C-alpha atoms as a PDB file:
ATOM      1  CA  MET A   1      -0.073  -0.167  -0.053  1.00  0.00           C
ATOM      2  CA  ASN A   2       2.864   2.427   0.820  1.00  0.00           C
ATOM      3  CA  LEU A   3       4.165   1.934  -2.779  1.00  0.00           C
ATOM      4  CA  LEU A   4       0.700   2.603  -4.199  1.00  0.00           C
ATOM      5  CA  LEU A   5       0.738   5.924  -2.346  1.00  0.00           C
ATOM      6  CA  LEU A   6       4.277   6.867  -3.034  1.00  0.00           C
ATOM      7  CA  GLY A   7       3.812   6.180  -6.846  1.00  0.00           C
ATOM      8  CA  ASN A   8       0.689   8.152  -7.062  1.00  0.00           C
ATOM      9  CA  GLY A   9       2.043  10.856  -4.971  1.00  0.00           C
ATOM     10  CA  LEU A  10       5.072  11.368  -7.436  1.00  0.00           C
ATOM     11  CA  SER A  11       2.841  11.161 -10.416  1.00  0.00           C
ATOM     12  CA  PHE A  12       0.512  13.729  -8.951  1.00  0.00           C
ATOM     13  CA  ALA A  13       3.529  16.035  -8.346  1.00  0.00           C
ATOM     14  CA  GLY A  14       4.526  15.559 -12.012  1.00  0.00           C
ATOM     15  CA  ALA A  15       0.971  16.206 -13.124  1.00  0.00           C
ATOM     16  CA  ILE A  16       0.888  19.332 -11.105  1.00  0.00           C
ATOM     17  CA  ILE A  17       4.103  20.561 -12.757  1.00  0.00           C
ATOM     18  CA  MET A  18       2.791  19.657 -16.220  1.00  0.00           C
ATOM     19  CA  VAL A  19      -0.201  21.795 -15.565  1.00  0.00           C
ATOM     20  CA  LEU A  20       1.791  24.660 -14.236  1.00  0.00           C
ATOM     21  CA  VAL A  21       4.115  24.455 -17.464  1.00  0.00           C
ATOM     22  CA  GLY A  22       1.152  25.841 -19.343  1.00  0.00           C
ATOM     23  CA  PHE A  23       1.694  29.246 -17.577  1.00  0.00           C
ATOM     24  CA  VAL A  24       5.493  29.456 -18.161  1.00  0.00           C
ATOM     25  CA  LYS A  25       6.642  31.658 -21.066  1.00  0.00           C
ATOM     26  CA  SER A  26      10.368  31.079 -21.182  1.00  0.00           C
ATOM     27  CA  ARG A  27      11.344  28.221 -23.446  1.00  0.00           C
ATOM     28  CA  LYS A  28      14.284  27.303 -21.078  1.00  0.00           C
ATOM     29  CA  LYS A  29      12.036  27.438 -17.841  1.00  0.00           C
ATOM     30  CA  ILE A  30       9.502  25.072 -19.835  1.00  0.00           C
ATOM     31  CA  LEU A  31      12.253  22.716 -20.678  1.00  0.00           C
ATOM     32  CA  GLY A  32      13.461  22.579 -16.999  1.00  0.00           C
ATOM     33  CA  ALA A  33      10.047  22.166 -15.638  1.00  0.00           C
ATOM     34  CA  GLN A  34       9.242  19.390 -18.248  1.00  0.00           C
ATOM     35  CA  ILE A  35      12.287  17.536 -17.157  1.00  0.00           C
ATOM     36  CA  ILE A  36      11.345  17.607 -13.547  1.00  0.00           C
ATOM     37  CA  GLN A  37       7.805  16.488 -14.520  1.00  0.00           C
ATOM     38  CA  PHE A  38       8.944  13.660 -16.537  1.00  0.00           C
ATOM     39  CA  ILE A  39      11.394  12.509 -13.813  1.00  0.00           C
ATOM     40  CA  LEU A  40       8.634  12.546 -11.173  1.00  0.00           C
ATOM     41  CA  MET A  41       6.066  10.802 -13.535  1.00  0.00           C
ATOM     42  CA  GLY A  42       8.546   8.258 -14.619  1.00  0.00           C
ATOM     43  CA  VAL A  43       9.664   7.456 -11.048  1.00  0.00           C
ATOM     44  CA  GLY A  44       6.023   7.328  -9.997  1.00  0.00           C
ATOM     45  CA  ASN A  45       5.353   4.800 -12.849  1.00  0.00           C
ATOM     46  CA  LEU A  46       8.424   2.746 -11.796  1.00  0.00           C
ATOM     47  CA  VAL A  47       7.303   2.568  -8.099  1.00  0.00           C
ATOM     48  CA  LEU A  48       3.891   1.246  -9.360  1.00  0.00           C
ATOM     49  CA  GLY A  49       5.649  -1.393 -11.587  1.00  0.00           C
ATOM     50  CA  GLY A  50       5.349   0.603 -14.836  1.00  0.00           C
ATOM     51  CA  VAL A  51       8.805   0.048 -16.249  1.00  0.00           C
ATOM     52  CA  THR A  52       8.013   0.708 -19.929  1.00  0.00           C
ATOM     53  CA  ALA A  53       6.319   3.839 -18.751  1.00  0.00           C
ATOM     54  CA  PHE A  54       9.506   4.831 -16.841  1.00  0.00           C
ATOM     55  CA  ILE A  55      11.717   4.089 -20.036  1.00  0.00           C
ATOM     56  CA  THR A  56       9.217   6.119 -22.060  1.00  0.00           C
ATOM     57  CA  ASN A  57       9.259   9.246 -19.761  1.00  0.00           C
ATOM     58  CA  MET A  58      13.037   9.129 -19.577  1.00  0.00           C
ATOM     59  CA  LEU A  59      13.391   9.147 -23.431  1.00  0.00           C
ATOM     60  CA  SER A  60      10.936  11.880 -23.576  1.00  0.00           C
ATOM     61  CA  ILE A  61      13.442  14.052 -21.734  1.00  0.00           C
ATOM     62  CA  VAL A  62      16.089  13.290 -24.283  1.00  0.00           C
ATOM     63  CA  ARG A  63      13.559  13.734 -27.082  1.00  0.00           C
ATOM     64  CA  ASN A  64      12.486  17.318 -25.831  1.00  0.00           C
ATOM     65  CA  LEU A  65      16.104  18.158 -25.482  1.00  0.00           C
ATOM     66  CA  VAL A  66      16.867  17.223 -29.027  1.00  0.00           C
ATOM     67  CA  CYS A  67      13.741  18.907 -30.323  1.00  0.00           C
ATOM     68  CA  PHE A  68      14.891  22.324 -28.638  1.00  0.00           C
ATOM     69  CA  GLN A  69      18.326  21.910 -30.158  1.00  0.00           C
ATOM     70  CA  PHE A  70      17.892  20.467 -33.495  1.00  0.00           C
ATOM     71  CA  LYS A  71      15.361  19.911 -36.275  1.00  0.00           C
ATOM     72  CA  PHE A  72      13.382  16.804 -35.331  1.00  0.00           C
ATOM     73  CA  THR A  73      13.880  14.723 -38.616  1.00  0.00           C
ATOM     74  CA  TRP A  74      12.661  11.465 -39.587  1.00  0.00           C
ATOM     75  CA  PRO A  75      15.883   9.672 -38.788  1.00  0.00           C
ATOM     76  CA  LEU A  76      15.775  11.143 -35.312  1.00  0.00           C
ATOM     77  CA  LYS A  77      12.111  10.084 -34.897  1.00  0.00           C
ATOM     78  CA  ILE A  78      12.875   6.624 -36.054  1.00  0.00           C
ATOM     79  CA  ALA A  79      16.165   6.376 -33.708  1.00  0.00           C
ATOM     80  CA  PHE A  80      13.942   7.448 -30.854  1.00  0.00           C
ATOM     81  CA  ILE A  81      11.278   4.887 -31.689  1.00  0.00           C
ATOM     82  CA  ILE A  82      13.891   2.084 -32.016  1.00  0.00           C
ATOM     83  CA  VAL A  83      15.652   2.920 -28.725  1.00  0.00           C
ATOM     84  CA  GLN A  84      12.273   3.128 -26.997  1.00  0.00           C
ATOM     85  CA  VAL A  85      11.149  -0.065 -28.213  1.00  0.00           C
ATOM     86  CA  GLY A  86      14.556  -1.766 -27.705  1.00  0.00           C
ATOM     87  CA  LEU A  87      14.902  -0.647 -24.119  1.00  0.00           C
ATOM     88  CA  SER A  88      11.371  -1.756 -23.228  1.00  0.00           C
ATOM     89  CA  ILE A  89      11.985  -5.162 -24.911  1.00  0.00           C
ATOM     90  CA  PHE A  90      15.128  -5.571 -22.999  1.00  0.00           C
ATOM     91  CA  ALA A  91      13.301  -4.608 -19.671  1.00  0.00           C
ATOM     92  CA  ILE A  92      10.258  -7.083 -20.467  1.00  0.00           C
ATOM     93  CA  MET A  93      12.736  -9.950 -21.390  1.00  0.00           C
ATOM     94  CA  ASN A  94      14.580  -9.542 -18.056  1.00  0.00           C
ATOM     95  CA  GLY A  95      11.305  -9.518 -16.181  1.00  0.00           C
ATOM     96  CA  GLN A  96      11.336  -5.882 -15.362  1.00  0.00           C
ATOM     97  CA  GLY A  97       8.305  -4.551 -17.304  1.00  0.00           C
ATOM     98  CA  VAL A  98       5.664  -6.983 -16.270  1.00  0.00           C
ATOM     99  CA  ILE A  99       2.407  -5.407 -14.982  1.00  0.00           C
ATOM    100  CA  PRO A 100       1.954  -6.899 -11.361  1.00  0.00           C
ATOM    101  CA  ASP A 101      -0.902  -9.183 -10.219  1.00  0.00           C
ATOM    102  CA  GLY A 102      -1.637 -10.440 -13.692  1.00  0.00           C
ATOM    103  CA  ARG A 103      -3.646  -7.362 -14.563  1.00  0.00           C
ATOM    104  CA  ASP A 104      -2.191  -7.680 -18.342  1.00  0.00           C
ATOM    105  CA  PRO A 105      -3.021 -11.322 -19.056  1.00  0.00           C
ATOM    106  CA  TYR A 106      -2.187 -10.964 -22.737  1.00  0.00           C
ATOM    107  CA  GLY A 107       0.969  -8.675 -22.433  1.00  0.00           C
ATOM    108  CA  ILE A 108      -0.523  -6.071 -24.573  1.00  0.00           C
ATOM    109  CA  ILE A 109      -1.348  -3.217 -22.157  1.00  0.00           C
ATOM    110  CA  ILE A 110       2.412  -3.199 -21.083  1.00  0.00           C
ATOM    111  CA  TRP A 111       3.113  -1.581 -24.643  1.00  0.00           C
ATOM    112  CA  PHE A 112       0.472   0.984 -24.387  1.00  0.00           C
ATOM    113  CA  PRO A 113       2.968   3.766 -23.124  1.00  0.00           C
ATOM    114  CA  ILE A 114       5.328   2.922 -26.077  1.00  0.00           C
ATOM    115  CA  ILE A 115       2.344   2.941 -28.653  1.00  0.00           C
ATOM    116  CA  GLY A 116       1.000   6.484 -27.284  1.00  0.00           C
ATOM    117  CA  THR A 117       4.500   7.998 -27.195  1.00  0.00           C
ATOM    118  CA  THR A 118       5.585   6.570 -30.696  1.00  0.00           C
ATOM    119  CA  LEU A 119       2.318   8.164 -32.188  1.00  0.00           C
ATOM    120  CA  PHE A 120       2.911  11.501 -30.535  1.00  0.00           C
ATOM    121  CA  THR A 121       6.682  11.338 -31.646  1.00  0.00           C
ATOM    122  CA  LEU A 122       5.720  10.499 -35.210  1.00  0.00           C
ATOM    123  CA  PHE A 123       3.117  13.602 -35.380  1.00  0.00           C
ATOM    124  CA  LEU A 124       5.087  15.859 -33.144  1.00  0.00           C
ATOM    125  CA  ASP A 125       5.912  18.197 -36.150  1.00  0.00           C
ATOM    126  CA  VAL A 126       2.559  17.923 -37.948  1.00  0.00           C
ATOM    127  CA  LYS A 127       1.469  21.422 -39.148  1.00  0.00           C
ATOM    128  CA  SER A 128      -2.412  21.193 -38.268  1.00  0.00           C
ATOM    129  CA  ASP A 129      -3.191  22.034 -34.612  1.00  0.00           C
ATOM    130  CA  VAL A 130      -6.279  19.950 -34.904  1.00  0.00           C
ATOM    131  CA  LYS A 131      -4.374  16.778 -36.172  1.00  0.00           C
ATOM    132  CA  LEU A 132      -1.884  17.296 -33.436  1.00  0.00           C
ATOM    133  CA  LYS A 133      -4.660  17.523 -30.761  1.00  0.00           C
ATOM    134  CA  VAL A 134      -6.292  14.393 -32.167  1.00  0.00           C
ATOM    135  CA  VAL A 135      -2.937  12.482 -31.832  1.00  0.00           C
ATOM    136  CA  ILE A 136      -2.754  13.836 -28.378  1.00  0.00           C
ATOM    137  CA  VAL A 137      -6.106  12.474 -27.405  1.00  0.00           C
ATOM    138  CA  ILE A 138      -5.429   9.046 -29.032  1.00  0.00           C
ATOM    139  CA  SER A 139      -1.978   8.938 -27.256  1.00  0.00           C
ATOM    140  CA  GLN A 140      -3.665   9.705 -23.839  1.00  0.00           C
ATOM    141  CA  VAL A 141      -6.214   7.035 -24.275  1.00  0.00           C
ATOM    142  CA  PHE A 142      -3.268   4.515 -24.367  1.00  0.00           C
ATOM    143  CA  TRP A 143      -1.767   6.136 -21.284  1.00  0.00           C
ATOM    144  CA  LEU A 144      -5.240   6.273 -19.495  1.00  0.00           C
ATOM    145  CA  ILE A 145      -5.649   2.590 -19.856  1.00  0.00           C
ATOM    146  CA  TYR A 146      -1.950   1.856 -18.881  1.00  0.00           C
ATOM    147  CA  ASP A 147      -2.400   4.052 -15.887  1.00  0.00           C
ATOM    148  CA  TYR A 148      -5.613   2.309 -14.766  1.00  0.00           C
ATOM    149  CA  VAL A 149      -4.129  -1.085 -14.970  1.00  0.00           C
ATOM    150  CA  ILE A 150      -0.915  -0.325 -12.860  1.00  0.00           C
ATOM    151  CA  MET A 151      -3.159   1.894 -10.559  1.00  0.00           C
ATOM    152  CA  ASN A 152      -1.496   5.117 -11.171  1.00  0.00           C
ATOM    153  CA  PHE A 153      -4.670   7.027 -10.240  1.00  0.00           C
ATOM    154  CA  ALA A 154      -3.030  10.341 -10.126  1.00  0.00           C
ATOM    155  CA  SER A 155      -1.871  10.179 -13.778  1.00  0.00           C
ATOM    156  CA  LEU A 156      -5.140   8.632 -14.749  1.00  0.00           C
ATOM    157  CA  THR A 157      -6.966  11.776 -13.506  1.00  0.00           C
ATOM    158  CA  PHE A 158      -4.591  13.996 -15.416  1.00  0.00           C
ATOM    159  CA  ASP A 159      -5.203  11.834 -18.549  1.00  0.00           C
ATOM    160  CA  VAL A 160      -8.906  12.167 -18.427  1.00  0.00           C
ATOM    161  CA  LEU A 161      -8.442  16.135 -17.789  1.00  0.00           C
ATOM    162  CA  THR A 162      -6.028  16.108 -20.784  1.00  0.00           C
ATOM    163  CA  ILE A 163      -8.362  14.251 -23.065  1.00  0.00           C
ATOM    164  CA  ILE A 164     -11.271  16.489 -22.171  1.00  0.00           C
ATOM    165  CA  SER A 165      -9.403  19.794 -22.492  1.00  0.00           C
ATOM    166  CA  THR A 166      -7.645  18.781 -25.696  1.00  0.00           C
ATOM    167  CA  MET A 167     -11.104  17.953 -27.131  1.00  0.00           C
ATOM    168  CA  VAL A 168     -12.452  21.394 -26.032  1.00  0.00           C
ATOM    169  CA  GLY A 169      -9.361  22.924 -27.802  1.00  0.00           C
ATOM    170  CA  ILE A 170     -10.253  21.002 -30.964  1.00  0.00           C
ATOM    171  CA  VAL A 171     -13.886  22.286 -30.798  1.00  0.00           C
ATOM    172  CA  MET A 172     -12.562  25.839 -30.181  1.00  0.00           C
ATOM    173  CA  ILE A 173     -10.099  25.569 -33.226  1.00  0.00           C
ATOM    174  CA  LEU A 174     -13.042  24.241 -35.514  1.00  0.00           C
ATOM    175  CA  ARG A 175     -15.449  26.939 -34.268  1.00  0.00           C
ATOM    176  CA  GLY A 176     -12.882  29.644 -35.074  1.00  0.00           C
ATOM    177  CA  LYS A 177     -12.384  28.204 -38.507  1.00  0.00           C
ATOM    178  CA  GLU A 178     -16.240  28.271 -39.118  1.00  0.00           C
ATOM    179  CA  LYS A 179     -16.391  31.960 -37.901  1.00  0.00           C
ATOM    180  CA  GLU A 180     -13.571  32.845 -40.331  1.00  0.00           C
ATOM    181  CA  GLU A 181     -15.314  31.143 -43.338  1.00  0.00           C
ATOM    182  CA  ILE A 182     -18.413  33.174 -42.508  1.00  0.00           C
ATOM    183  CA  VAL A 183     -16.570  36.407 -42.307  1.00  0.00           C
ATOM    184  CA  VAL A 184     -14.624  35.646 -45.519  1.00  0.00           C
ATOM    185  CA  ALA A 185     -17.606  34.642 -47.473  1.00  0.00           C
END
């Protein structure tokens, strides 16, 4: 029970930082806050038995650092995906990524953080705000299911809020485009 509280506490602290990052204007401060957020959420997942989520969060730190320093090209995207999948397979093969208490009987849910983050990585540089937000919703659904299975209720709550706020954002963008079309016509 103590590990459940510790893991959820760390994830909650990371989720709070993620929300606060929305108010930060300086790119350098955003990057620093996201690094702290990924560390807290990653360690929270690790405490709860979510090794693949831990790996994904740690690689997200590196991905963000690369995105801020260089153009995020397809070779970089593929490299990140290969490293993420490779490290996750290594962890799973060594018995480190198994979801506790048989809550993933088919061994599929263990891959959800990887799938969600891979989708986000692939579409990170998409031009359309609506398409990016749709990818974020799909990615968060994978994380929501995973967080539920490993009982990371703090992150699960944040997943739900992210899905809702992103869908509201999509509606706002689409309504804004409708108004533009009416004005132009």
